[in-house]
Amino acid sequence: ISQVTGGGFAETIEDGRFDAEKLQAWEIGAKTSWEAAGYLQLNFSGFLQDYTDKQIGTQVLQDDGVLAPRIINAGGAEVWGIELDAVWQPSFLEGLTLTGAYTWLNAEYIEYIFESASLQRAASNGECNVVDLTPDGPERSFTCRYDFAGNKLERTPENAFVFTGNFTRQFFGQDFDWFVEANGTWQDERFLEDNNFIIFDSYWLWDARLGLQGEQWDAILYVENLTDNDTLITGGSGPDFGEQVTYTGFTAGFGISHFFGTLPRPRTIGLRATFRF
């Protein structure tokens, strides 16, 4: 069973076969706490994830010219990484808590040979190392062979950062608190697919909240996507049946494909109230 894709089925059991994915993981780290003008907690770790027969969700062009989803295996991939996170509660401002987490990843394929007869794949890669599949057959068949060793893993940013700041105090001697909070998320550039053709820009997303909080209730005024950022955060590719019908008049064959992107929600302002029984 694969965990990397869903939807669409191979036409035959044999077409749907793929090898098990194997992972060996090593990690070393430490959790520490310090007195630094207040309470400071620092955690860090370094790790290596070594994949064998890594499962890849992709599309292949069948003999009838139709794109079909498939799970294939890359020979191997490695992910080297460092994770750092910190929590600081400064003594000079009671009620303030600052947290942050940073991740660095070097994630790439170390062994990955892929064959495809897709013209789109050849165009996006800018080359086609031709392979003759039937050198002795009456009807010769050709395909392109690509070596993706050294390519970055899809949807894996090299750098990522998360920050949260929270300030909470008692509300003028009452039995409930008021608070203000902001959190931000940053992701570095990352590739859409294993061929490293489409790349997503880096982005920041910020949210903010102001509220009252009691033992059994809370009321929160919130703003999501504070800066109204409209950078694409993820995406994918697949058959474009609409364009295919426009140009050909039918959906079978040719396998016209397209890329699509997902935008973050626009700036959203709201009020949320909760009561706990």
Protein backbone atom coordinates (compact mmCIF):
# COMPACT_ATOMS: atom_id res chain seq x y z
CA ILE A 1 0.00 0.00 0.00
CA SER A 2 1.35 3.43 -0.93
CA GLN A 3 1.00 6.55 1.20
CA VAL A 4 1.98 9.05 -1.50
CA THR A 5 -1.04 9.38 -3.77
CA GLY A 6 -4.68 8.60 -4.19
CA GLY A 7 -7.28 8.36 -6.93
CA GLY A 8 -6.98 6.52 -10.20
CA PHE A 9 -6.20 2.84 -10.61
CA ALA A 10 -3.89 0.86 -12.84
CA GLU A 11 -5.65 -1.09 -15.57
CA THR A 12 -4.03 -4.37 -14.59
CA ILE A 13 -2.68 -5.80 -11.36
CA GLU A 14 0.79 -6.00 -12.91
CA ASP A 15 0.72 -2.30 -13.88
CA GLY A 16 -0.09 -1.46 -10.29
CA ARG A 17 2.80 -3.34 -8.69
CA PHE A 18 5.59 -1.50 -6.88
CA ASP A 19 8.18 -2.44 -4.27
CA ALA A 20 7.96 -1.76 -0.56
CA GLU A 21 9.61 1.46 0.60
CA LYS A 22 12.32 0.99 3.23
CA LEU A 23 13.64 3.66 5.58
CA GLN A 24 16.56 3.68 7.97
CA ALA A 25 16.62 6.69 10.30
CA TRP A 26 19.30 7.96 12.70
CA GLU A 27 18.90 10.92 15.03
CA ILE A 28 20.94 12.55 17.77
CA GLY A 29 19.99 15.57 19.83
CA ALA A 30 19.56 17.18 23.22
CA LYS A 31 16.95 19.00 25.27
CA THR A 32 18.30 21.77 27.52
CA SER A 33 16.99 24.48 29.85
CA TRP A 34 18.82 27.64 30.93
CA GLU A 35 18.49 30.78 33.03
CA ALA A 36 18.79 33.66 30.56
CA ALA A 37 16.95 36.72 31.89
CA GLY A 38 14.15 34.28 32.54
CA TYR A 39 13.44 30.71 31.53
CA LEU A 40 14.99 29.52 28.26
CA GLN A 41 14.55 26.07 26.76
CA LEU A 42 16.71 25.05 23.80
CA ASN A 43 16.34 21.76 21.91
CA PHE A 44 18.27 20.59 18.89
CA SER A 45 18.73 17.46 16.84
CA GLY A 46 20.48 16.23 13.73
CA PHE A 47 19.16 13.35 11.68
CA LEU A 48 19.61 11.21 8.57
CA GLN A 49 16.81 9.41 6.76
CA ASP A 50 18.03 6.86 4.21
CA TYR A 51 15.36 5.63 1.77
CA THR A 52 15.59 2.50 -0.38
CA ASP A 53 13.01 1.99 -3.16
CA LYS A 54 11.35 5.29 -2.28
CA GLN A 55 7.77 5.38 -3.55
CA ILE A 56 6.99 8.18 -6.00
CA GLY A 57 3.52 9.24 -7.14
CA THR A 58 3.68 10.17 -10.82
CA GLN A 59 1.91 9.81 -14.16
CA VAL A 60 2.94 7.60 -17.05
CA LEU A 61 1.87 7.75 -20.69
CA GLN A 62 0.26 4.46 -21.67
CA ASP A 63 0.42 2.81 -25.09
CA ASP A 64 -2.99 4.31 -25.98
CA GLY A 65 -1.66 7.83 -25.27
CA VAL A 66 -3.58 8.35 -22.04
CA LEU A 67 -1.86 9.65 -18.90
CA ALA A 68 -2.42 7.32 -15.94
CA PRO A 69 -1.41 7.68 -12.28
CA ARG A 70 1.22 5.22 -11.08
CA ILE A 71 3.36 4.50 -8.08
CA ILE A 72 6.98 3.83 -9.04
CA ASN A 73 10.15 3.29 -7.03
CA ALA A 74 13.23 5.48 -6.98
CA GLY A 75 16.37 3.52 -6.17
CA GLY A 76 17.29 5.64 -3.17
CA ALA A 77 17.04 9.02 -1.47
CA GLU A 78 18.64 10.71 1.53
CA VAL A 79 17.41 13.44 3.84
CA TRP A 80 19.95 15.16 6.07
CA GLY A 81 18.48 17.60 8.53
CA ILE A 82 18.84 19.82 11.58
CA GLU A 83 15.99 20.90 13.85
CA LEU A 84 16.21 23.70 16.43
CA ASP A 85 13.44 24.95 18.70
CA ALA A 86 13.36 27.39 21.60
CA VAL A 87 10.97 28.67 24.26
CA TRP A 88 11.77 31.88 26.17
CA GLN A 89 9.81 33.41 29.03
CA PRO A 90 11.69 36.62 29.93
CA SER A 91 11.68 37.68 33.56
CA PHE A 92 11.45 41.41 32.74
CA LEU A 93 7.92 41.07 31.25
CA GLU A 94 5.62 38.67 33.07
CA GLY A 95 3.18 36.84 30.81
CA LEU A 96 5.30 36.99 27.63
CA THR A 97 6.22 33.70 25.94
CA LEU A 98 8.22 33.51 22.70
CA THR A 99 8.68 30.26 20.78
CA GLY A 100 10.44 29.48 17.55
CA ALA A 101 11.42 26.43 15.51
CA TYR A 102 13.79 26.13 12.54
CA THR A 103 14.40 23.19 10.20
CA TRP A 104 17.14 22.76 7.62
CA LEU A 105 16.90 19.89 5.13
CA ASN A 106 19.18 18.55 2.42
CA ALA A 107 16.81 16.13 0.71
CA GLU A 108 17.77 14.59 -2.64
CA TYR A 109 17.56 11.47 -4.75
CA ILE A 110 20.79 9.50 -4.86
CA GLU A 111 19.58 6.82 -7.31
CA TYR A 112 16.60 7.37 -9.60
CA ILE A 113 16.27 6.28 -13.23
CA PHE A 114 12.90 7.11 -14.81
CA GLU A 115 11.61 6.21 -18.27
CA SER A 116 8.76 8.03 -19.99
CA ALA A 117 7.35 8.48 -23.48
CA SER A 118 5.67 11.76 -22.50
CA LEU A 119 6.50 14.70 -24.76
CA GLN A 120 5.70 17.05 -21.89
CA ARG A 121 8.30 15.32 -19.71
CA ALA A 122 10.91 15.60 -22.48
CA ALA A 123 10.09 19.29 -23.03
CA SER A 124 10.25 20.16 -19.34
CA ASN A 125 13.59 18.37 -18.92
CA GLY A 126 15.01 19.89 -22.10
CA GLU A 127 16.45 16.58 -23.26
CA CYS A 128 15.58 12.99 -24.10
CA ASN A 129 18.10 10.18 -23.75
CA VAL A 130 16.46 7.83 -26.24
CA VAL A 131 16.13 4.15 -25.33
CA ASP A 132 15.12 1.54 -27.93
CA LEU A 133 12.77 -0.81 -26.09
CA THR A 134 12.40 -3.35 -28.92
CA PRO A 135 15.65 -3.42 -30.92
CA ASP A 136 14.79 -6.79 -32.48
CA GLY A 137 11.03 -6.37 -32.90
CA PRO A 138 9.18 -5.73 -36.16
CA GLU A 139 7.81 -2.46 -34.76
CA ARG A 140 10.43 -0.57 -32.85
CA SER A 141 9.39 1.37 -29.71
CA PHE A 142 11.32 4.26 -28.20
CA THR A 143 11.16 6.08 -24.90
CA CYS A 144 13.19 8.63 -22.93
CA ARG A 145 15.37 7.70 -19.98
CA TYR A 146 16.09 10.30 -17.30
CA ASP A 147 18.59 10.22 -14.46
CA PHE A 148 17.16 12.22 -11.57
CA ALA A 149 20.01 11.43 -9.15
CA GLY A 150 20.93 14.69 -7.42
CA ASN A 151 17.45 16.19 -7.84
CA LYS A 152 15.75 17.56 -4.75
CA LEU A 153 12.78 15.76 -3.23
CA GLU A 154 9.46 17.25 -4.19
CA ARG A 155 7.65 19.67 -1.85
CA THR A 156 10.61 19.74 0.54
CA PRO A 157 11.90 23.23 1.44
CA GLU A 158 15.54 23.54 2.43
CA ASN A 159 14.65 25.99 5.21
CA ALA A 160 11.49 26.42 7.28
CA PHE A 161 10.73 28.57 10.31
CA VAL A 162 7.80 28.94 12.73
CA PHE A 163 7.45 31.74 15.31
CA THR A 164 4.84 32.43 18.00
CA GLY A 165 4.61 35.31 20.47
CA ASN A 166 2.00 35.30 23.24
CA PHE A 167 1.36 37.88 25.97
CA THR A 168 -1.20 36.90 28.63
CA ARG A 169 -2.20 38.86 31.76
CA GLN A 170 -5.05 38.85 34.25
CA PHE A 171 -7.86 41.21 33.23
CA PHE A 172 -7.90 43.99 35.84
CA GLY A 173 -8.15 41.68 38.84
CA GLN A 174 -10.96 39.59 37.37
CA ASP A 175 -11.04 35.77 37.32
CA PHE A 176 -10.19 35.66 33.61
CA ASP A 177 -7.24 36.70 31.40
CA TRP A 178 -6.73 38.79 28.30
CA PHE A 179 -4.13 37.90 25.71
CA VAL A 180 -2.64 38.95 22.40
CA GLU A 181 -0.85 36.48 20.16
CA ALA A 182 0.86 36.40 16.76
CA ASN A 183 2.38 33.51 14.85
CA GLY A 184 4.25 33.34 11.57
CA THR A 185 5.26 30.53 9.23
CA TRP A 186 7.96 30.73 6.58
CA GLN A 187 8.87 28.17 3.96
CA ASP A 188 11.76 28.29 1.53
CA GLU A 189 11.53 27.56 -2.18
CA ARG A 190 10.58 23.97 -3.02
CA PHE A 191 10.00 21.90 -6.13
CA LEU A 192 6.62 20.59 -7.19
CA GLU A 193 7.82 17.28 -8.66
CA ASP A 194 10.79 14.95 -8.87
CA ASN A 195 11.99 16.44 -12.17
CA ASN A 196 12.58 19.81 -10.40
CA PHE A 197 10.91 21.70 -13.28
CA ILE A 198 8.28 23.72 -11.38
CA ILE A 199 9.40 25.63 -8.28
CA PHE A 200 7.25 27.38 -5.66
CA ASP A 201 8.39 30.73 -4.27
CA SER A 202 9.17 31.13 -0.57
CA TYR A 203 6.44 32.71 1.54
CA TRP A 204 5.50 34.12 4.94
CA LEU A 205 2.05 33.69 6.52
CA TRP A 206 1.09 35.65 9.64
CA ASP A 207 -1.93 35.26 11.94
CA ALA A 208 -2.94 37.37 14.96
CA ARG A 209 -5.41 36.94 17.83
CA LEU A 210 -6.73 39.17 20.62
CA GLY A 211 -9.03 37.70 23.23
CA LEU A 212 -10.42 37.04 26.67
CA GLN A 213 -10.10 33.63 28.29
CA GLY A 214 -11.76 32.20 31.39
CA GLU A 215 -11.86 28.77 32.92
CA GLN A 216 -14.95 27.71 30.95
CA TRP A 217 -15.16 30.25 28.13
CA ASP A 218 -13.18 32.37 25.72
CA ALA A 219 -13.87 35.07 23.12
CA ILE A 220 -11.26 35.68 20.42
CA LEU A 221 -10.96 38.29 17.67
CA TYR A 222 -8.68 36.83 15.00
CA VAL A 223 -7.04 37.81 11.72
CA GLU A 224 -5.77 35.05 9.42
CA ASN A 225 -3.22 35.85 6.70
CA LEU A 226 -2.59 39.27 8.24
CA THR A 227 -0.58 40.57 5.25
CA ASP A 228 -3.00 39.14 2.66
CA ASN A 229 -0.18 37.14 1.07
CA ASP A 230 -1.21 35.54 -2.24
CA THR A 231 1.89 33.40 -2.89
CA LEU A 232 1.16 29.86 -4.03
CA ILE A 233 1.74 27.48 -1.13
CA THR A 234 1.32 24.12 -2.89
CA GLY A 235 0.01 22.60 -6.11
CA GLY A 236 0.05 19.61 -8.39
CA SER A 237 -0.44 18.38 -11.94
CA GLY A 238 -2.91 16.17 -13.73
CA PRO A 239 -5.00 15.63 -16.86
CA ASP A 240 -6.66 18.78 -18.23
CA PHE A 241 -9.86 17.34 -19.67
CA GLY A 242 -11.36 20.77 -20.30
CA GLU A 243 -8.55 21.90 -22.58
CA GLN A 244 -8.39 18.47 -24.17
CA VAL A 245 -12.07 18.63 -25.13
CA THR A 246 -11.59 22.19 -26.43
CA TYR A 247 -8.76 21.18 -28.75
CA THR A 248 -9.70 17.62 -29.68
CA GLY A 249 -13.42 17.30 -29.01
CA PHE A 250 -13.03 14.18 -26.84
CA THR A 251 -11.37 13.08 -23.59
CA ALA A 252 -9.69 9.84 -24.67
CA GLY A 253 -6.08 9.80 -25.85
CA PHE A 254 -3.38 12.49 -26.12
CA GLY A 255 -3.22 13.01 -22.36
CA ILE A 256 -3.18 16.82 -22.24
CA SER A 257 -1.88 17.77 -18.79
CA HIS A 258 -1.79 20.94 -16.72
CA PHE A 259 -0.32 22.34 -13.52
CA PHE A 260 -2.40 23.93 -10.77
CA GLY A 261 -1.58 25.88 -7.63
CA THR A 262 -3.24 26.42 -4.25
CA LEU A 263 -3.44 29.92 -2.78
CA PRO A 264 -3.65 30.61 0.95
CA ARG A 265 -6.96 31.87 2.24
CA PRO A 266 -7.24 35.67 1.78
CA ARG A 267 -7.05 37.93 4.81
CA THR A 268 -9.91 36.80 7.06
CA ILE A 269 -11.20 38.66 10.13
CA GLY A 270 -13.56 36.97 12.54
CA LEU A 271 -14.82 36.58 16.08
CA ARG A 272 -14.91 33.19 17.79
CA ALA A 273 -16.63 32.42 21.11
CA THR A 274 -16.45 29.12 23.00
CA PHE A 275 -18.16 27.84 26.13
CA ARG A 276 -17.03 24.60 27.80
CA PHE A 277 -19.55 22.64 29.89
